[in-house]
C-alpha atoms as a PDB file:
ATOM      1  CA  MET A   1      -0.003  -0.011  -0.011  1.00  0.00           C
ATOM      2  CA  LEU A   2       2.870   2.524   0.843  1.00  0.00           C
ATOM      3  CA  ARG A   3       4.830   1.439  -1.955  1.00  0.00           C
ATOM      4  CA  THR A   4       1.829   2.028  -4.288  1.00  0.00           C
ATOM      5  CA  ILE A   5       1.614   5.727  -2.547  1.00  0.00           C
ATOM      6  CA  ARG A   6       5.210   6.346  -3.324  1.00  0.00           C
ATOM      7  CA  ASP A   7       4.995   5.242  -6.804  1.00  0.00           C
ATOM      8  CA  PHE A   8       2.100   7.681  -7.763  1.00  0.00           C
ATOM      9  CA  LEU A   9       3.605  10.778  -5.695  1.00  0.00           C
ATOM     10  CA  THR A  10       6.432  10.837  -8.022  1.00  0.00           C
ATOM     11  CA  THR A  11       7.891  14.297  -8.342  1.00  0.00           C
ATOM     12  CA  LYS A  12       6.508  15.059 -11.949  1.00  0.00           C
ATOM     13  CA  ARG A  13       2.968  14.542 -10.394  1.00  0.00           C
ATOM     14  CA  LEU A  14       3.741  16.427  -7.641  1.00  0.00           C
ATOM     15  CA  PHE A  15       4.788  19.287  -9.502  1.00  0.00           C
ATOM     16  CA  VAL A  16       1.762  19.420 -12.021  1.00  0.00           C
ATOM     17  CA  GLY A  17      -0.506  19.073  -8.890  1.00  0.00           C
ATOM     18  CA  MET A  18       0.996  22.196  -7.309  1.00  0.00           C
ATOM     19  CA  VAL A  19       0.634  23.894 -10.814  1.00  0.00           C
ATOM     20  CA  PHE A  20      -2.944  23.267 -10.665  1.00  0.00           C
ATOM     21  CA  LEU A  21      -3.720  24.381  -7.361  1.00  0.00           C
ATOM     22  CA  CYS A  22      -1.845  27.473  -8.026  1.00  0.00           C
ATOM     23  CA  THR A  23      -4.136  27.799 -11.213  1.00  0.00           C
ATOM     24  CA  MET A  24      -7.366  27.213  -9.324  1.00  0.00           C
ATOM     25  CA  MET A  25      -6.192  29.741  -6.594  1.00  0.00           C
ATOM     26  CA  ILE A  26      -5.191  32.355  -9.399  1.00  0.00           C
ATOM     27  CA  ALA A  27      -8.824  31.729 -11.304  1.00  0.00           C
ATOM     28  CA  ALA A  28     -10.960  31.931  -7.583  1.00  0.00           C
ATOM     29  CA  SER A  29      -9.192  35.779  -6.911  1.00  0.00           C
ATOM     30  CA  PHE A  30     -11.237  36.784 -10.021  1.00  0.00           C
ATOM     31  CA  PHE A  31     -14.564  35.486  -8.653  1.00  0.00           C
ATOM     32  CA  THR A  32     -13.522  36.361  -5.070  1.00  0.00           C
ATOM     33  CA  ASP A  33     -16.299  39.275  -5.267  1.00  0.00           C
ATOM     34  CA  SER A  34     -19.183  37.260  -6.151  1.00  0.00           C
ATOM     35  CA  LEU A  35     -18.388  34.491  -3.788  1.00  0.00           C
ATOM     36  CA  VAL A  36     -17.920  36.408  -0.722  1.00  0.00           C
ATOM     37  CA  MET A  37     -20.944  38.783  -1.722  1.00  0.00           C
ATOM     38  CA  PRO A  38     -23.379  36.503   0.064  1.00  0.00           C
ATOM     39  CA  VAL A  39     -21.224  36.422   3.395  1.00  0.00           C
ATOM     40  CA  ARG A  40     -20.840  39.789   3.218  1.00  0.00           C
ATOM     41  CA  ARG A  41     -24.430  40.572   2.677  1.00  0.00           C
ATOM     42  CA  PHE A  42     -24.986  38.414   5.756  1.00  0.00           C
ATOM     43  CA  VAL A  43     -22.678  40.171   7.789  1.00  0.00           C
ATOM     44  CA  SER A  44     -23.823  43.717   7.073  1.00  0.00           C
ATOM     45  CA  ILE A  45     -27.624  42.525   7.534  1.00  0.00           C
ATOM     46  CA  PHE A  46     -27.094  40.385  10.810  1.00  0.00           C
ATOM     47  CA  VAL A  47     -23.573  40.997  12.369  1.00  0.00           C
ATOM     48  CA  VAL A  48     -22.765  44.691  11.665  1.00  0.00           C
ATOM     49  CA  PRO A  49     -25.704  46.091  12.990  1.00  0.00           C
ATOM     50  CA  VAL A  50     -25.474  43.744  16.457  1.00  0.00           C
ATOM     51  CA  GLN A  51     -21.550  45.165  16.419  1.00  0.00           C
ATOM     52  CA  LYS A  52     -23.024  48.641  16.423  1.00  0.00           C
ATOM     53  CA  GLY A  53     -25.467  48.177  18.996  1.00  0.00           C
ATOM     54  CA  MET A  54     -22.914  46.260  21.004  1.00  0.00           C
ATOM     55  CA  ASN A  55     -20.444  49.505  20.410  1.00  0.00           C
ATOM     56  CA  ASN A  56     -23.273  52.040  21.135  1.00  0.00           C
ATOM     57  CA  LEU A  57     -24.180  49.949  24.370  1.00  0.00           C
ATOM     58  CA  GLY A  58     -20.807  50.044  25.544  1.00  0.00           C
ATOM     59  CA  MET A  59     -20.205  53.851  24.775  1.00  0.00           C
ATOM     60  CA  VAL A  60     -23.578  54.304  26.509  1.00  0.00           C
ATOM     61  CA  ALA A  61     -22.037  52.299  29.180  1.00  0.00           C
ATOM     62  CA  VAL A  62     -19.052  54.226  29.838  1.00  0.00           C
ATOM     63  CA  ASP A  63     -20.599  57.833  29.514  1.00  0.00           C
ATOM     64  CA  THR A  64     -22.827  56.460  31.927  1.00  0.00           C
ATOM     65  CA  ALA A  65     -20.175  55.546  34.455  1.00  0.00           C
ATOM     66  CA  ASP A  66     -18.264  58.994  33.383  1.00  0.00           C
ATOM     67  CA  ARG A  67     -21.768  60.882  33.925  1.00  0.00           C
ATOM     68  CA  LEU A  68     -22.090  59.041  37.653  1.00  0.00           C
ATOM     69  CA  ASP A  69     -18.518  59.948  38.385  1.00  0.00           C
ATOM     70  CA  THR A  70     -18.870  63.319  37.621  1.00  0.00           C
ATOM     71  CA  VAL A  71     -22.075  63.432  39.623  1.00  0.00           C
ATOM     72  CA  GLU A  72     -20.465  61.922  42.649  1.00  0.00           C
ATOM     73  CA  SER A  73     -17.713  64.650  42.082  1.00  0.00           C
ATOM     74  CA  LEU A  74     -20.068  67.411  41.598  1.00  0.00           C
ATOM     75  CA  GLN A  75     -22.099  66.216  44.828  1.00  0.00           C
ATOM     76  CA  ASN A  76     -18.891  66.162  46.992  1.00  0.00           C
ATOM     77  CA  GLU A  77     -17.735  69.426  45.540  1.00  0.00           C
ATOM     78  CA  ASN A  78     -21.706  70.697  46.427  1.00  0.00           C
ATOM     79  CA  GLU A  79     -21.172  69.220  49.837  1.00  0.00           C
ATOM     80  CA  GLU A  80     -17.962  70.987  50.610  1.00  0.00           C
ATOM     81  CA  LEU A  81     -19.070  74.082  49.257  1.00  0.00           C
ATOM     82  CA  LYS A  82     -22.248  73.967  51.302  1.00  0.00           C
ATOM     83  CA  ALA A  83     -20.125  73.416  54.553  1.00  0.00           C
ATOM     84  CA  LYS A  84     -17.708  76.513  53.215  1.00  0.00           C
ATOM     85  CA  VAL A  85     -21.069  78.519  52.929  1.00  0.00           C
ATOM     86  CA  GLU A  86     -22.277  77.735  56.373  1.00  0.00           C
ATOM     87  CA  SER A  87     -18.898  78.513  57.913  1.00  0.00           C
ATOM     88  CA  LEU A  88     -18.693  81.687  56.253  1.00  0.00           C
ATOM     89  CA  THR A  89     -21.831  82.446  56.807  1.00  0.00           C
ATOM     90  CA  GLU A  90     -21.675  81.921  60.639  1.00  0.00           C
ATOM     91  CA  GLU A  91     -18.891  83.881  60.709  1.00  0.00           C
ATOM     92  CA  SER A  92     -20.333  86.878  59.154  1.00  0.00           C
ATOM     93  CA  ASN A  93     -23.269  86.769  61.344  1.00  0.00           C
ATOM     94  CA  ARG A  94     -20.926  86.579  64.343  1.00  0.00           C
ATOM     95  CA  LEU A  95     -18.947  89.486  63.012  1.00  0.00           C
ATOM     96  CA  LYS A  96     -22.281  91.393  61.956  1.00  0.00           C
ATOM     97  CA  GLU A  97     -23.217  91.035  66.057  1.00  0.00           C
ATOM     98  CA  ASP A  98     -19.479  91.843  67.428  1.00  0.00           C
ATOM     99  CA  SER A  99     -20.195  95.415  64.947  1.00  0.00           C
ATOM    100  CA  TYR A 100     -23.827  95.823  65.953  1.00  0.00           C
ATOM    101  CA  GLU A 101     -22.575  95.199  69.851  1.00  0.00           C
ATOM    102  CA  LEU A 102     -19.411  97.556  69.083  1.00  0.00           C
ATOM    103  CA  SER A 103     -22.016 100.253  67.788  1.00  0.00           C
ATOM    104  CA  ARG A 104     -24.178  99.904  71.018  1.00  0.00           C
ATOM    105  CA  LEU A 105     -21.314  99.945  73.538  1.00  0.00           C
ATOM    106  CA  ARG A 106     -19.812 103.268  71.732  1.00  0.00           C
ATOM    107  CA  THR A 107     -23.403 104.671  71.892  1.00  0.00           C
ATOM    108  CA  LEU A 108     -23.417 104.054  75.374  1.00  0.00           C
ATOM    109  CA  TYR A 109     -19.703 105.566  75.931  1.00  0.00           C
ATOM    110  CA  SER A 110     -20.782 108.348  74.428  1.00  0.00           C
ATOM    111  CA  LEU A 111     -23.938 109.000  76.250  1.00  0.00           C
ATOM    112  CA  ASP A 112     -21.746 108.406  79.483  1.00  0.00           C
ATOM    113  CA  GLU A 113     -19.262 111.165  78.201  1.00  0.00           C
ATOM    114  CA  HIS A 114     -22.410 113.326  77.736  1.00  0.00           C
ATOM    115  CA  TYR A 115     -23.561 113.271  80.990  1.00  0.00           C
ATOM    116  CA  SER A 116     -20.076 112.421  82.568  1.00  0.00           C
ATOM    117  CA  SER A 117     -21.114 114.761  85.672  1.00  0.00           C
ATOM    118  CA  TRP A 118     -23.547 111.876  86.972  1.00  0.00           C
ATOM    119  CA  PRO A 119     -21.989 108.587  88.284  1.00  0.00           C
ATOM    120  CA  LYS A 120     -23.459 105.832  86.039  1.00  0.00           C
ATOM    121  CA  THR A 121     -23.444 102.042  86.075  1.00  0.00           C
ATOM    122  CA  ALA A 122     -24.349  99.890  83.243  1.00  0.00           C
ATOM    123  CA  ALA A 123     -27.003  97.137  83.158  1.00  0.00           C
ATOM    124  CA  ARG A 124     -28.160  95.000  80.694  1.00  0.00           C
ATOM    125  CA  VAL A 125     -32.021  94.553  80.097  1.00  0.00           C
ATOM    126  CA  ILE A 126     -33.195  90.770  80.546  1.00  0.00           C
ATOM    127  CA  GLY A 127     -36.731  91.094  80.516  1.00  0.00           C
ATOM    128  CA  SER A 128     -39.480  93.146  79.137  1.00  0.00           C
ATOM    129  CA  ASN A 129     -43.597  92.883  80.265  1.00  0.00           C
ATOM    130  CA  SER A 130     -44.665  94.196  76.681  1.00  0.00           C
ATOM    131  CA  ASP A 131     -44.858  92.779  73.516  1.00  0.00           C
ATOM    132  CA  ASN A 132     -43.750  95.188  71.111  1.00  0.00           C
ATOM    133  CA  TRP A 133     -42.219  98.002  73.355  1.00  0.00           C
ATOM    134  CA  TYR A 134     -39.900  98.120  76.036  1.00  0.00           C
ATOM    135  CA  SER A 135     -42.526 100.225  78.496  1.00  0.00           C
ATOM    136  CA  THR A 136     -41.752  98.242  81.500  1.00  0.00           C
ATOM    137  CA  PHE A 137     -38.622  96.137  81.607  1.00  0.00           C
ATOM    138  CA  THR A 138     -35.924  94.122  83.959  1.00  0.00           C
ATOM    139  CA  ILE A 139     -32.210  94.556  84.016  1.00  0.00           C
ATOM    140  CA  ASP A 140     -29.646  92.617  85.261  1.00  0.00           C
ATOM    141  CA  LYS A 141     -28.727  95.067  88.422  1.00  0.00           C
ATOM    142  CA  GLY A 142     -30.254  95.249  91.645  1.00  0.00           C
ATOM    143  CA  SER A 143     -29.458  96.529  95.049  1.00  0.00           C
ATOM    144  CA  ASN A 144     -26.471  94.308  95.494  1.00  0.00           C
ATOM    145  CA  ASP A 145     -24.957  96.695  92.909  1.00  0.00           C
ATOM    146  CA  GLY A 146     -26.163  99.878  94.649  1.00  0.00           C
ATOM    147  CA  ILE A 147     -29.247 100.630  92.482  1.00  0.00           C
ATOM    148  CA  GLU A 148     -32.156 102.092  94.479  1.00  0.00           C
ATOM    149  CA  LYS A 149     -35.717 103.144  93.477  1.00  0.00           C
ATOM    150  CA  ASP A 150     -36.432 106.624  91.714  1.00  0.00           C
ATOM    151  CA  MET A 151     -32.950 106.184  89.771  1.00  0.00           C
ATOM    152  CA  ASN A 152     -33.070 108.064  86.329  1.00  0.00           C
ATOM    153  CA  VAL A 153     -32.083 105.163  83.195  1.00  0.00           C
ATOM    154  CA  ILE A 154     -30.996 106.485  80.077  1.00  0.00           C
ATOM    155  CA  ALA A 155     -29.893 104.734  76.639  1.00  0.00           C
ATOM    156  CA  GLY A 156     -29.222 105.559  73.029  1.00  0.00           C
ATOM    157  CA  ASN A 157     -28.975 109.498  73.463  1.00  0.00           C
ATOM    158  CA  GLY A 158     -31.229 110.132  76.584  1.00  0.00           C
ATOM    159  CA  LEU A 159     -33.781 109.253  78.561  1.00  0.00           C
ATOM    160  CA  VAL A 160     -35.346 105.817  79.087  1.00  0.00           C
ATOM    161  CA  GLY A 161     -37.343 106.200  82.515  1.00  0.00           C
ATOM    162  CA  ILE A 162     -36.955 105.520  86.059  1.00  0.00           C
ATOM    163  CA  VAL A 163     -36.329 102.833  88.375  1.00  0.00           C
ATOM    164  CA  THR A 164     -39.889 101.588  90.155  1.00  0.00           C
ATOM    165  CA  GLU A 165     -38.716  98.193  91.886  1.00  0.00           C
ATOM    166  CA  VAL A 166     -35.401  97.139  93.265  1.00  0.00           C
ATOM    167  CA  HIS A 167     -34.541  93.164  94.294  1.00  0.00           C
ATOM    168  CA  LYS A 168     -31.161  92.188  95.261  1.00  0.00           C
ATOM    169  CA  ASN A 169     -29.625  91.041  91.887  1.00  0.00           C
ATOM    170  CA  TYR A 170     -32.442  92.744  89.569  1.00  0.00           C
ATOM    171  CA  SER A 171     -34.736  96.135  89.177  1.00  0.00           C
ATOM    172  CA  LEU A 172     -37.530  96.854  87.365  1.00  0.00           C
ATOM    173  CA  VAL A 173     -37.892  99.901  85.278  1.00  0.00           C
ATOM    174  CA  LYS A 174     -40.857 102.021  83.678  1.00  0.00           C
ATOM    175  CA  SER A 175     -40.217 103.856  80.650  1.00  0.00           C
ATOM    176  CA  ILE A 176     -41.476 107.229  79.732  1.00  0.00           C
ATOM    177  CA  ILE A 177     -43.530 105.558  76.812  1.00  0.00           C
ATOM    178  CA  ASP A 178     -45.572 103.694  79.490  1.00  0.00           C
ATOM    179  CA  ASP A 179     -49.253 104.681  79.363  1.00  0.00           C
ATOM    180  CA  ASN A 180     -49.108 105.787  83.148  1.00  0.00           C
ATOM    181  CA  ALA A 181     -45.989 107.841  82.887  1.00  0.00           C
ATOM    182  CA  TYR A 182     -45.883 111.475  82.980  1.00  0.00           C
ATOM    183  CA  VAL A 183     -42.235 113.310  82.885  1.00  0.00           C
ATOM    184  CA  SER A 184     -41.870 117.365  83.516  1.00  0.00           C
ATOM    185  CA  GLY A 185     -39.680 118.388  80.365  1.00  0.00           C
ATOM    186  CA  MET A 186     -39.359 122.077  78.683  1.00  0.00           C
ATOM    187  CA  VAL A 187     -37.642 123.318  75.815  1.00  0.00           C
ATOM    188  CA  LEU A 188     -34.040 123.260  75.727  1.00  0.00           C
ATOM    189  CA  GLY A 189     -33.117 127.251  75.376  1.00  0.00           C
ATOM    190  CA  SER A 190     -36.331 129.004  75.949  1.00  0.00           C
ATOM    191  CA  GLY A 191     -37.180 126.863  79.387  1.00  0.00           C
ATOM    192  CA  SER A 192     -40.646 126.639  78.244  1.00  0.00           C
ATOM    193  CA  ILE A 193     -42.524 123.737  80.413  1.00  0.00           C
ATOM    194  CA  CYS A 194     -44.379 120.987  79.306  1.00  0.00           C
ATOM    195  CA  THR A 195     -45.464 117.650  80.141  1.00  0.00           C
ATOM    196  CA  VAL A 196     -44.317 114.965  78.424  1.00  0.00           C
ATOM    197  CA  GLU A 197     -47.023 111.633  78.535  1.00  0.00           C
ATOM    198  CA  GLY A 198     -46.532 108.025  77.779  1.00  0.00           C
ATOM    199  CA  ASP A 199     -48.547 106.428  74.888  1.00  0.00           C
ATOM    200  CA  LEU A 200     -47.834 102.976  73.551  1.00  0.00           C
ATOM    201  CA  LYS A 201     -50.438 103.195  70.987  1.00  0.00           C
ATOM    202  CA  LEU A 202     -48.798 106.575  69.274  1.00  0.00           C
ATOM    203  CA  MET A 203     -45.162 104.974  69.904  1.00  0.00           C
ATOM    204  CA  ASP A 204     -46.480 102.866  66.533  1.00  0.00           C
ATOM    205  CA  GLU A 205     -46.123 106.105  64.726  1.00  0.00           C
ATOM    206  CA  GLY A 206     -42.567 106.547  66.606  1.00  0.00           C
ATOM    207  CA  MET A 207     -43.867 109.263  68.775  1.00  0.00           C
ATOM    208  CA  ILE A 208     -45.322 110.312  72.583  1.00  0.00           C
ATOM    209  CA  HIS A 209     -47.704 112.981  73.644  1.00  0.00           C
ATOM    210  CA  VAL A 210     -46.333 116.589  74.773  1.00  0.00           C
ATOM    211  CA  SER A 211     -48.620 119.042  76.095  1.00  0.00           C
ATOM    212  CA  ASN A 212     -49.477 121.742  78.614  1.00  0.00           C
ATOM    213  CA  PHE A 213     -47.045 124.533  77.185  1.00  0.00           C
ATOM    214  CA  LYS A 214     -48.326 127.724  77.657  1.00  0.00           C
ATOM    215  CA  ALA A 215     -50.084 129.295  74.629  1.00  0.00           C
ATOM    216  CA  ASP A 216     -47.719 132.170  74.284  1.00  0.00           C
ATOM    217  CA  SER A 217     -44.768 129.392  73.794  1.00  0.00           C
ATOM    218  CA  ASN A 218     -42.778 129.799  70.532  1.00  0.00           C
ATOM    219  CA  VAL A 219     -42.292 125.921  69.872  1.00  0.00           C
ATOM    220  CA  LEU A 220     -41.031 124.942  66.537  1.00  0.00           C
ATOM    221  CA  ASN A 221     -40.416 121.523  64.740  1.00  0.00           C
ATOM    222  CA  GLY A 222     -37.176 119.706  65.851  1.00  0.00           C
ATOM    223  CA  ASP A 223     -36.870 121.605  69.216  1.00  0.00           C
ATOM    224  CA  LYS A 224     -34.996 119.985  71.929  1.00  0.00           C
ATOM    225  CA  ILE A 225     -37.314 118.907  74.899  1.00  0.00           C
ATOM    226  CA  VAL A 226     -35.282 117.468  78.112  1.00  0.00           C
ATOM    227  CA  THR A 227     -36.104 116.901  81.470  1.00  0.00           C
ATOM    228  CA  SER A 228     -36.859 120.295  83.619  1.00  0.00           C
ATOM    229  CA  ASN A 229     -35.594 121.650  86.583  1.00  0.00           C
ATOM    230  CA  ILE A 230     -39.106 121.611  88.439  1.00  0.00           C
ATOM    231  CA  SER A 231     -39.400 117.738  87.998  1.00  0.00           C
ATOM    232  CA  SER A 232     -39.236 116.033  91.518  1.00  0.00           C
ATOM    233  CA  LYS A 233     -38.009 112.739  90.237  1.00  0.00           C
ATOM    234  CA  TYR A 234     -35.983 113.550  86.972  1.00  0.00           C
ATOM    235  CA  LEU A 235     -32.666 115.081  86.653  1.00  0.00           C
ATOM    236  CA  GLU A 236     -32.554 117.961  85.030  1.00  0.00           C
ATOM    237  CA  GLY A 237     -31.399 118.444  81.612  1.00  0.00           C
ATOM    238  CA  ILE A 238     -31.433 114.817  80.271  1.00  0.00           C
ATOM    239  CA  LEU A 239     -32.366 114.722  76.573  1.00  0.00           C
ATOM    240  CA  ILE A 240     -36.171 113.225  76.144  1.00  0.00           C
ATOM    241  CA  GLY A 241     -36.645 113.967  71.995  1.00  0.00           C
ATOM    242  CA  TYR A 242     -37.879 116.515  69.690  1.00  0.00           C
ATOM    243  CA  ALA A 243     -41.058 118.387  69.380  1.00  0.00           C
ATOM    244  CA  LYS A 244     -43.534 117.845  66.329  1.00  0.00           C
ATOM    245  CA  ASP A 245     -46.510 119.462  65.507  1.00  0.00           C
ATOM    246  CA  VAL A 246     -47.230 121.623  68.598  1.00  0.00           C
ATOM    247  CA  SER A 247     -50.234 124.049  68.356  1.00  0.00           C
ATOM    248  CA  VAL A 248     -52.898 125.854  70.253  1.00  0.00           C
ATOM    249  CA  ASP A 249     -55.496 123.675  71.969  1.00  0.00           C
ATOM    250  CA  GLY A 250     -59.199 124.328  71.859  1.00  0.00           C
ATOM    251  CA  ASN A 251     -59.225 126.237  75.127  1.00  0.00           C
ATOM    252  CA  GLN A 252     -56.592 129.025  73.755  1.00  0.00           C
ATOM    253  CA  MET A 253     -54.402 128.820  76.730  1.00  0.00           C
ATOM    254  CA  THR A 254     -52.244 126.209  76.206  1.00  0.00           C
ATOM    255  CA  MET A 255     -50.459 124.013  73.393  1.00  0.00           C
ATOM    256  CA  SER A 256     -49.956 120.147  72.696  1.00  0.00           C
ATOM    257  CA  GLY A 257     -48.165 117.929  70.221  1.00  0.00           C
ATOM    258  CA  TYR A 258     -46.096 115.289  70.087  1.00  0.00           C
ATOM    259  CA  ILE A 259     -42.252 114.420  70.866  1.00  0.00           C
ATOM    260  CA  VAL A 260     -39.685 111.849  68.495  1.00  0.00           C
ATOM    261  CA  PRO A 261     -38.162 110.600  71.131  1.00  0.00           C
ATOM    262  CA  VAL A 262     -34.235 110.109  71.391  1.00  0.00           C
ATOM    263  CA  VAL A 263     -33.993 106.425  72.258  1.00  0.00           C
ATOM    264  CA  ASP A 264     -35.207 103.103  70.205  1.00  0.00           C
ATOM    265  CA  PHE A 265     -37.785 101.685  72.686  1.00  0.00           C
ATOM    266  CA  GLU A 266     -38.005  98.376  70.315  1.00  0.00           C
ATOM    267  CA  HIS A 267     -34.696  97.169  70.708  1.00  0.00           C
ATOM    268  CA  LEU A 268     -33.385  97.927  74.224  1.00  0.00           C
ATOM    269  CA  GLN A 269     -30.532  95.911  74.825  1.00  0.00           C
ATOM    270  CA  GLU A 270     -28.082  97.763  77.456  1.00  0.00           C
ATOM    271  CA  VAL A 271     -28.824 100.780  79.691  1.00  0.00           C
ATOM    272  CA  LEU A 272     -27.053 103.345  81.837  1.00  0.00           C
ATOM    273  CA  VAL A 273     -28.127 103.634  85.412  1.00  0.00           C
ATOM    274  CA  ILE A 274     -27.475 106.968  86.905  1.00  0.00           C
ATOM    275  CA  THR A 275     -26.491 106.171  90.619  1.00  0.00           C
ATOM    276  CA  LYS A 276     -27.670 109.814  91.592  1.00  0.00           C
ATOM    277  CA  LYS A 277     -31.100 110.558  92.555  1.00  0.00           C
ATOM    278  CA  LYS A 278     -32.730 113.993  91.957  1.00  0.00           C
ATOM    279  CA  SER A 279     -33.270 113.844  96.013  1.00  0.00           C
ATOM    280  CA  ASP A 280     -29.603 113.427  96.191  1.00  0.00           C
ATOM    281  CA  ALA A 281     -29.268 116.812  94.045  1.00  0.00           C
ATOM    282  CA  THR A 282     -31.777 118.393  95.951  1.00  0.00           C
ATOM    283  CA  SER A 283     -30.270 117.540  99.234  1.00  0.00           C
ATOM    284  CA  ASP A 284     -26.609 118.572  98.179  1.00  0.00           C
ATOM    285  CA  ASP A 285     -27.758 121.784  97.138  1.00  0.00           C
END
């Protein structure tokens, strides 16, 4: 059998076979397009769309992953920015509070300098008996701090009121805007005497009543009204406010109008208590 194969596969026959194979391959190259066209069509119809779909799916997956990474990164940055904003807001509020407190203390210091002839002690307002206005309020100083009844209380640019009740560690103050408050005042310069009357309802308009000027008094808008020399409890010369719309009453004997107070009775926080009373000043004289 082997010998028969060897005899058949002679050199000549091998050569002829190789030439035939090459000829067939050359001939096949002319018909490649027609032979592979069905395959190409199959690929273009089925394989290519699948491949494109897989590619698009892969791109979507990659894009989604990138977006998720970006979203997570932005969320982290957002949280960091929020924390920074909260920190800066807190710091800004603290600075505003410090600035506001400094402004109030400067006002008190200026007031203290203006009435430097009287001894004073600073006190903080710790309670109020009114919803909107500090008509009566509590301060954190009492008899242990040398506070006594009828001591005058000032703040802002002038008169607040008077101490009405004293305890060891706190005291009560009635302000000049209270409905039951009456203060003897006068026009600075002319000395025209008047009566300052508290009125909480009128304070919504930023004013309090003034009355009992003599009909011949020449009172102009903006005139300074201060505590008078005839007051029994208030020291003389403390600024109360500015005259507004003073006119002759129906009886033609007196004049009345309004005062714009120099104290912000809606936002009292610190006050100065003058530790020398009017009765002490009178006895010294």
